[in-house]
């Protein structure tokens, strides 16, 4: 069963959630995990793509945009971004930025929902919390 962690930050600016994605992805990579990031839309995926390259001046988070094409699947970038409905063969770590949660979330071993203090994100993550809870998934809330 997918382990689901909600990570809550007190930050409230528009880019805070994307910075948090970078932090979580970087930590997962350092632990040897592959990461799939489910973006809400193409615009969010483009913003995150740019931020992943410049998140820390002394390093970068290697990533690619996943379109479901076999060439991208074979590239095996350790971090993949997508706003589509397919996650390919991925099943390690999912960072979810969507509401409702993508249908493929249960294929992953671990899922992170990232909370920042904006009305839209609070509403979306509450909706996702209720969805997972109603289906019996164990949920953990951590304040960071």
C-alpha atoms as a PDB file:
ATOM      1  CA  UNK A   1       0.000   0.000   0.000  1.00  0.00           C
ATOM      2  CA  UNK A   2       1.254   3.476  -0.878  1.00  0.00           C
ATOM      3  CA  UNK A   3       2.756   5.387   2.058  1.00  0.00           C
ATOM      4  CA  UNK A   4       1.405   8.944   1.937  1.00  0.00           C
ATOM      5  CA  UNK A   5       3.132  11.884   3.618  1.00  0.00           C
ATOM      6  CA  UNK A   6       1.732  15.388   3.738  1.00  0.00           C
ATOM      7  CA  UNK A   7       4.536  17.908   4.250  1.00  0.00           C
ATOM      8  CA  UNK A   8       3.342  21.270   5.546  1.00  0.00           C
ATOM      9  CA  UNK A   9       5.341  24.474   5.291  1.00  0.00           C
ATOM     10  CA  UNK A  10       4.408  27.829   6.785  1.00  0.00           C
ATOM     11  CA  UNK A  11       5.518  29.581   3.602  1.00  0.00           C
ATOM     12  CA  UNK A  12       2.772  31.312   1.659  1.00  0.00           C
ATOM     13  CA  UNK A  13       4.233  32.729  -1.559  1.00  0.00           C
ATOM     14  CA  UNK A  14       3.392  31.403  -4.999  1.00  0.00           C
ATOM     15  CA  UNK A  15       6.763  29.744  -5.627  1.00  0.00           C
ATOM     16  CA  UNK A  16       7.098  28.177  -2.155  1.00  0.00           C
ATOM     17  CA  UNK A  17       5.483  24.905  -3.162  1.00  0.00           C
ATOM     18  CA  UNK A  18       7.803  24.521  -6.156  1.00  0.00           C
ATOM     19  CA  UNK A  19      10.856  25.153  -3.977  1.00  0.00           C
ATOM     20  CA  UNK A  20       9.543  22.476  -1.626  1.00  0.00           C
ATOM     21  CA  UNK A  21       9.233  20.077  -4.589  1.00  0.00           C
ATOM     22  CA  UNK A  22      12.917  20.681  -5.333  1.00  0.00           C
ATOM     23  CA  UNK A  23      13.913  19.989  -1.727  1.00  0.00           C
ATOM     24  CA  UNK A  24      11.920  16.752  -1.566  1.00  0.00           C
ATOM     25  CA  UNK A  25      13.180  15.577  -4.982  1.00  0.00           C
ATOM     26  CA  UNK A  26      16.771  16.335  -4.028  1.00  0.00           C
ATOM     27  CA  UNK A  27      16.460  14.396  -0.764  1.00  0.00           C
ATOM     28  CA  UNK A  28      14.890  11.418  -2.554  1.00  0.00           C
ATOM     29  CA  UNK A  29      17.673  11.436  -5.162  1.00  0.00           C
ATOM     30  CA  UNK A  30      20.314  11.430  -2.440  1.00  0.00           C
ATOM     31  CA  UNK A  31      18.583   8.341  -1.043  1.00  0.00           C
ATOM     32  CA  UNK A  32      18.815   6.630  -4.427  1.00  0.00           C
ATOM     33  CA  UNK A  33      15.126   6.965  -5.292  1.00  0.00           C
ATOM     34  CA  UNK A  34      13.638   7.804  -8.666  1.00  0.00           C
ATOM     35  CA  UNK A  35      11.047  10.585  -8.545  1.00  0.00           C
ATOM     36  CA  UNK A  36       7.959  11.269 -10.622  1.00  0.00           C
ATOM     37  CA  UNK A  37       6.373  14.715 -10.234  1.00  0.00           C
ATOM     38  CA  UNK A  38       2.702  15.002 -11.200  1.00  0.00           C
ATOM     39  CA  UNK A  39       2.246  18.645 -12.198  1.00  0.00           C
ATOM     40  CA  UNK A  40      -1.153  20.303 -12.378  1.00  0.00           C
ATOM     41  CA  UNK A  41      -0.639  21.671 -15.903  1.00  0.00           C
ATOM     42  CA  UNK A  42       1.928  22.474 -18.594  1.00  0.00           C
ATOM     43  CA  UNK A  43       2.640  25.936 -17.162  1.00  0.00           C
ATOM     44  CA  UNK A  44       3.482  24.523 -13.725  1.00  0.00           C
ATOM     45  CA  UNK A  45       5.675  21.836 -15.340  1.00  0.00           C
ATOM     46  CA  UNK A  46       7.597  24.530 -17.251  1.00  0.00           C
ATOM     47  CA  UNK A  47       8.134  26.625 -14.108  1.00  0.00           C
ATOM     48  CA  UNK A  48       9.325  23.590 -12.200  1.00  0.00           C
ATOM     49  CA  UNK A  49      11.576  22.513 -15.072  1.00  0.00           C
ATOM     50  CA  UNK A  50      13.339  25.866 -14.886  1.00  0.00           C
ATOM     51  CA  UNK A  51      13.579  25.842 -11.095  1.00  0.00           C
ATOM     52  CA  UNK A  52      15.048  22.324 -10.976  1.00  0.00           C
ATOM     53  CA  UNK A  53      18.004  23.532 -13.063  1.00  0.00           C
ATOM     54  CA  UNK A  54      18.714  26.519 -10.827  1.00  0.00           C
ATOM     55  CA  UNK A  55      17.473  25.403  -7.400  1.00  0.00           C
ATOM     56  CA  UNK A  56      20.976  25.391  -5.890  1.00  0.00           C
ATOM     57  CA  UNK A  57      23.818  27.240  -7.619  1.00  0.00           C
ATOM     58  CA  UNK A  58      26.366  24.509  -6.804  1.00  0.00           C
ATOM     59  CA  UNK A  59      24.265  21.599  -8.072  1.00  0.00           C
ATOM     60  CA  UNK A  60      21.317  20.667 -10.249  1.00  0.00           C
ATOM     61  CA  UNK A  61      18.578  18.088 -10.134  1.00  0.00           C
ATOM     62  CA  UNK A  62      18.771  15.979 -13.310  1.00  0.00           C
ATOM     63  CA  UNK A  63      15.317  15.658 -14.805  1.00  0.00           C
ATOM     64  CA  UNK A  64      13.259  15.353 -17.955  1.00  0.00           C
ATOM     65  CA  UNK A  65       9.705  15.989 -19.055  1.00  0.00           C
ATOM     66  CA  UNK A  66       7.810  12.719 -19.374  1.00  0.00           C
ATOM     67  CA  UNK A  67       5.393  12.572 -22.261  1.00  0.00           C
ATOM     68  CA  UNK A  68       4.819   8.828 -22.275  1.00  0.00           C
ATOM     69  CA  UNK A  69       7.133   8.400 -25.253  1.00  0.00           C
ATOM     70  CA  UNK A  70       9.466   5.368 -25.101  1.00  0.00           C
ATOM     71  CA  UNK A  71      12.553   7.546 -25.732  1.00  0.00           C
ATOM     72  CA  UNK A  72      11.911   9.500 -22.527  1.00  0.00           C
ATOM     73  CA  UNK A  73      11.164   6.295 -20.642  1.00  0.00           C
ATOM     74  CA  UNK A  74      14.481   4.801 -21.776  1.00  0.00           C
ATOM     75  CA  UNK A  75      16.403   7.957 -20.846  1.00  0.00           C
ATOM     76  CA  UNK A  76      15.852   7.026 -17.211  1.00  0.00           C
ATOM     77  CA  UNK A  77      16.267  10.535 -15.883  1.00  0.00           C
ATOM     78  CA  UNK A  78      16.063  10.177 -12.094  1.00  0.00           C
ATOM     79  CA  UNK A  79      13.378  12.876 -11.897  1.00  0.00           C
ATOM     80  CA  UNK A  80      10.516  13.056 -14.361  1.00  0.00           C
ATOM     81  CA  UNK A  81       7.894  15.796 -14.670  1.00  0.00           C
ATOM     82  CA  UNK A  82       4.503  15.261 -16.235  1.00  0.00           C
ATOM     83  CA  UNK A  83       1.096  16.872 -16.466  1.00  0.00           C
ATOM     84  CA  UNK A  84      -0.334  13.906 -18.379  1.00  0.00           C
ATOM     85  CA  UNK A  85      -2.376  10.930 -17.249  1.00  0.00           C
ATOM     86  CA  UNK A  86       0.406   8.359 -17.701  1.00  0.00           C
ATOM     87  CA  UNK A  87       3.318   7.620 -15.381  1.00  0.00           C
ATOM     88  CA  UNK A  88       4.921   4.927 -17.513  1.00  0.00           C
ATOM     89  CA  UNK A  89       6.589   2.232 -15.487  1.00  0.00           C
ATOM     90  CA  UNK A  90       7.425   4.433 -12.526  1.00  0.00           C
ATOM     91  CA  UNK A  91       6.556   3.269  -9.043  1.00  0.00           C
ATOM     92  CA  UNK A  92       9.090   4.741  -6.577  1.00  0.00           C
ATOM     93  CA  UNK A  93       8.395   8.249  -5.256  1.00  0.00           C
ATOM     94  CA  UNK A  94       5.531  10.417  -6.467  1.00  0.00           C
ATOM     95  CA  UNK A  95       5.367  14.119  -5.639  1.00  0.00           C
ATOM     96  CA  UNK A  96       1.803  15.162  -6.339  1.00  0.00           C
ATOM     97  CA  UNK A  97       0.807  18.721  -7.249  1.00  0.00           C
ATOM     98  CA  UNK A  98      -2.648  17.791  -8.573  1.00  0.00           C
ATOM     99  CA  UNK A  99      -6.139  17.784  -7.219  1.00  0.00           C
ATOM    100  CA  UNK A 100      -7.829  15.480  -7.583  1.00  0.00           C
ATOM    101  CA  UNK A 101      -4.961  13.043  -7.178  1.00  0.00           C
ATOM    102  CA  UNK A 102      -3.919  11.279 -10.382  1.00  0.00           C
ATOM    103  CA  UNK A 103      -5.481   7.856 -10.905  1.00  0.00           C
ATOM    104  CA  UNK A 104      -2.033   6.223 -10.996  1.00  0.00           C
ATOM    105  CA  UNK A 105      -0.981   7.332  -7.472  1.00  0.00           C
ATOM    106  CA  UNK A 106      -1.521   3.864  -5.959  1.00  0.00           C
ATOM    107  CA  UNK A 107       1.192   2.368  -8.187  1.00  0.00           C
ATOM    108  CA  UNK A 108       3.829   4.240  -6.182  1.00  0.00           C
ATOM    109  CA  UNK A 109       5.540   3.068  -3.020  1.00  0.00           C
ATOM    110  CA  UNK A 110       5.604   6.567  -1.552  1.00  0.00           C
ATOM    111  CA  UNK A 111       3.625   9.717  -2.241  1.00  0.00           C
ATOM    112  CA  UNK A 112       4.281  13.256  -1.039  1.00  0.00           C
ATOM    113  CA  UNK A 113       1.601  15.940  -0.916  1.00  0.00           C
ATOM    114  CA  UNK A 114       3.119  19.381  -0.349  1.00  0.00           C
ATOM    115  CA  UNK A 115       1.240  22.035   1.590  1.00  0.00           C
ATOM    116  CA  UNK A 116       1.935  25.762   1.632  1.00  0.00           C
ATOM    117  CA  UNK A 117      -0.311  28.373   3.168  1.00  0.00           C
ATOM    118  CA  UNK A 118      -2.199  29.611   0.144  1.00  0.00           C
ATOM    119  CA  UNK A 119      -5.988  29.191  -0.068  1.00  0.00           C
ATOM    120  CA  UNK A 120      -5.846  27.223  -3.325  1.00  0.00           C
ATOM    121  CA  UNK A 121      -3.212  24.745  -2.115  1.00  0.00           C
ATOM    122  CA  UNK A 122      -4.916  24.317   1.259  1.00  0.00           C
ATOM    123  CA  UNK A 123      -8.211  23.491  -0.453  1.00  0.00           C
ATOM    124  CA  UNK A 124      -6.566  21.059  -2.898  1.00  0.00           C
ATOM    125  CA  UNK A 125      -4.575  19.195  -0.265  1.00  0.00           C
ATOM    126  CA  UNK A 126      -7.585  18.938   2.060  1.00  0.00           C
ATOM    127  CA  UNK A 127      -9.529  17.391  -0.820  1.00  0.00           C
ATOM    128  CA  UNK A 128      -6.728  14.905  -1.472  1.00  0.00           C
ATOM    129  CA  UNK A 129      -6.416  14.093   2.263  1.00  0.00           C
ATOM    130  CA  UNK A 130     -10.127  13.248   2.404  1.00  0.00           C
ATOM    131  CA  UNK A 131      -9.874  11.143  -0.746  1.00  0.00           C
ATOM    132  CA  UNK A 132      -6.953   9.052   0.534  1.00  0.00           C
ATOM    133  CA  UNK A 133      -8.449   8.712   4.008  1.00  0.00           C
ATOM    134  CA  UNK A 134     -11.812   7.520   2.661  1.00  0.00           C
ATOM    135  CA  UNK A 135      -9.952   4.737   0.852  1.00  0.00           C
ATOM    136  CA  UNK A 136      -8.061   3.592   3.940  1.00  0.00           C
ATOM    137  CA  UNK A 137      -4.565   4.819   3.129  1.00  0.00           C
ATOM    138  CA  UNK A 138      -2.333   5.538   6.127  1.00  0.00           C
ATOM    139  CA  UNK A 139      -1.623   9.282   6.214  1.00  0.00           C
ATOM    140  CA  UNK A 140       1.140  11.162   7.956  1.00  0.00           C
ATOM    141  CA  UNK A 141       1.330  14.936   8.422  1.00  0.00           C
ATOM    142  CA  UNK A 142       4.735  16.506   9.038  1.00  0.00           C
ATOM    143  CA  UNK A 143       5.428  20.177   9.652  1.00  0.00           C
ATOM    144  CA  UNK A 144       8.677  21.325   8.116  1.00  0.00           C
END
